[in-house]
Amino acid sequence: MSAAKPLLIAFLTASALAGCSAEKTYDNTVDSALFVTKSAVKVTAGAAKLAVKGTGAAVRAVNGGDE
């Protein structure tokens, strides 16, 4: 019976660590997904602003800078 006790302790410790690791992995996955989504929205908004500025500059160039 003495050999079974350290194995049981090792198993319970490994199970506890695996549970913590799985929870941390889930948290990291959610955080990463939120970061990527937020970054994608910012890049899209920045590209839209750049397109508007570029269009405005093109219109001004065609009109000779009157506007």
C-alpha atoms as a PDB file:
ATOM      1  CA  MET A   1       0.000   0.000   0.000  1.00  0.00           C
ATOM      2  CA  SER A   2       2.867   2.335   0.568  1.00  0.00           C
ATOM      3  CA  ALA A   3       3.744   2.447  -3.156  1.00  0.00           C
ATOM      4  CA  ALA A   4       0.163   3.361  -4.091  1.00  0.00           C
ATOM      5  CA  LYS A   5       0.081   6.463  -1.902  1.00  0.00           C
ATOM      6  CA  PRO A   6       2.821   8.400  -3.784  1.00  0.00           C
ATOM      7  CA  LEU A   7       1.217   7.413  -7.105  1.00  0.00           C
ATOM      8  CA  LEU A   8      -2.138   8.720  -5.889  1.00  0.00           C
ATOM      9  CA  ILE A   9      -0.543  11.979  -4.770  1.00  0.00           C
ATOM     10  CA  ALA A  10       1.259  12.328  -8.092  1.00  0.00           C
ATOM     11  CA  PHE A  11      -1.965  11.655  -9.996  1.00  0.00           C
ATOM     12  CA  LEU A  12      -3.945  14.204  -7.987  1.00  0.00           C
ATOM     13  CA  THR A  13      -1.204  16.804  -8.378  1.00  0.00           C
ATOM     14  CA  ALA A  14      -1.011  16.236 -12.130  1.00  0.00           C
ATOM     15  CA  SER A  15      -4.806  16.452 -12.389  1.00  0.00           C
ATOM     16  CA  ALA A  16      -4.873  19.717 -10.458  1.00  0.00           C
ATOM     17  CA  LEU A  17      -2.109  21.196 -12.600  1.00  0.00           C
ATOM     18  CA  ALA A  18      -3.830  20.051 -15.780  1.00  0.00           C
ATOM     19  CA  GLY A  19      -7.046  21.724 -14.635  1.00  0.00           C
ATOM     20  CA  CYS A  20      -5.266  24.994 -13.920  1.00  0.00           C
ATOM     21  CA  SER A  21      -3.424  24.801 -17.199  1.00  0.00           C
ATOM     22  CA  ALA A  22      -6.643  24.163 -19.140  1.00  0.00           C
ATOM     23  CA  GLU A  23      -8.332  27.129 -17.473  1.00  0.00           C
ATOM     24  CA  LYS A  24      -5.356  29.375 -18.197  1.00  0.00           C
ATOM     25  CA  THR A  25      -5.265  28.176 -21.806  1.00  0.00           C
ATOM     26  CA  TYR A  26      -8.964  29.008 -22.175  1.00  0.00           C
ATOM     27  CA  ASP A  27      -8.411  32.474 -20.681  1.00  0.00           C
ATOM     28  CA  ASN A  28      -5.468  33.108 -22.979  1.00  0.00           C
ATOM     29  CA  THR A  29      -7.471  31.955 -25.997  1.00  0.00           C
ATOM     30  CA  VAL A  30     -10.335  34.307 -25.165  1.00  0.00           C
ATOM     31  CA  ASP A  31      -7.952  37.199 -24.520  1.00  0.00           C
ATOM     32  CA  SER A  32      -6.156  36.550 -27.802  1.00  0.00           C
ATOM     33  CA  ALA A  33      -9.411  36.392 -29.742  1.00  0.00           C
ATOM     34  CA  LEU A  34     -10.550  39.692 -28.247  1.00  0.00           C
ATOM     35  CA  PHE A  35      -7.200  41.322 -29.062  1.00  0.00           C
ATOM     36  CA  VAL A  36      -7.295  40.109 -32.665  1.00  0.00           C
ATOM     37  CA  THR A  37     -10.891  41.270 -33.119  1.00  0.00           C
ATOM     38  CA  LYS A  38     -10.147  44.675 -31.606  1.00  0.00           C
ATOM     39  CA  SER A  39      -7.054  45.055 -33.785  1.00  0.00           C
ATOM     40  CA  ALA A  40      -8.983  44.062 -36.917  1.00  0.00           C
ATOM     41  CA  VAL A  41     -11.645  46.680 -36.194  1.00  0.00           C
ATOM     42  CA  LYS A  42      -9.001  49.364 -35.669  1.00  0.00           C
ATOM     43  CA  VAL A  43      -7.188  48.437 -38.892  1.00  0.00           C
ATOM     44  CA  THR A  44     -10.448  48.477 -40.862  1.00  0.00           C
ATOM     45  CA  ALA A  45     -11.419  51.859 -39.432  1.00  0.00           C
ATOM     46  CA  GLY A  46      -7.953  53.220 -40.190  1.00  0.00           C
ATOM     47  CA  ALA A  47      -8.104  51.943 -43.758  1.00  0.00           C
ATOM     48  CA  ALA A  48     -11.517  53.543 -44.233  1.00  0.00           C
ATOM     49  CA  LYS A  49     -10.219  56.894 -42.952  1.00  0.00           C
ATOM     50  CA  LEU A  50      -7.218  56.639 -45.243  1.00  0.00           C
ATOM     51  CA  ALA A  51      -9.468  55.870 -48.213  1.00  0.00           C
ATOM     52  CA  VAL A  52     -11.639  58.904 -47.467  1.00  0.00           C
ATOM     53  CA  LYS A  53      -8.593  61.166 -47.194  1.00  0.00           C
ATOM     54  CA  GLY A  54      -7.164  59.732 -50.401  1.00  0.00           C
ATOM     55  CA  THR A  55     -10.426  60.244 -52.255  1.00  0.00           C
ATOM     56  CA  GLY A  56     -10.620  63.818 -51.000  1.00  0.00           C
ATOM     57  CA  ALA A  57      -7.060  64.483 -52.150  1.00  0.00           C
ATOM     58  CA  ALA A  58      -7.796  62.985 -55.567  1.00  0.00           C
ATOM     59  CA  VAL A  59     -10.913  65.152 -55.983  1.00  0.00           C
ATOM     60  CA  ARG A  60      -8.950  68.264 -54.992  1.00  0.00           C
ATOM     61  CA  ALA A  61      -6.189  67.381 -57.462  1.00  0.00           C
ATOM     62  CA  VAL A  62      -8.683  66.935 -60.299  1.00  0.00           C
ATOM     63  CA  ASN A  63     -10.469  70.196 -59.480  1.00  0.00           C
ATOM     64  CA  GLY A  64      -7.205  72.088 -59.227  1.00  0.00           C
ATOM     65  CA  GLY A  65      -7.407  72.635 -55.460  1.00  0.00           C
ATOM     66  CA  ASP A  66     -10.545  74.779 -55.575  1.00  0.00           C
ATOM     67  CA  GLU A  67     -12.300  72.813 -52.847  1.00  0.00           C
END
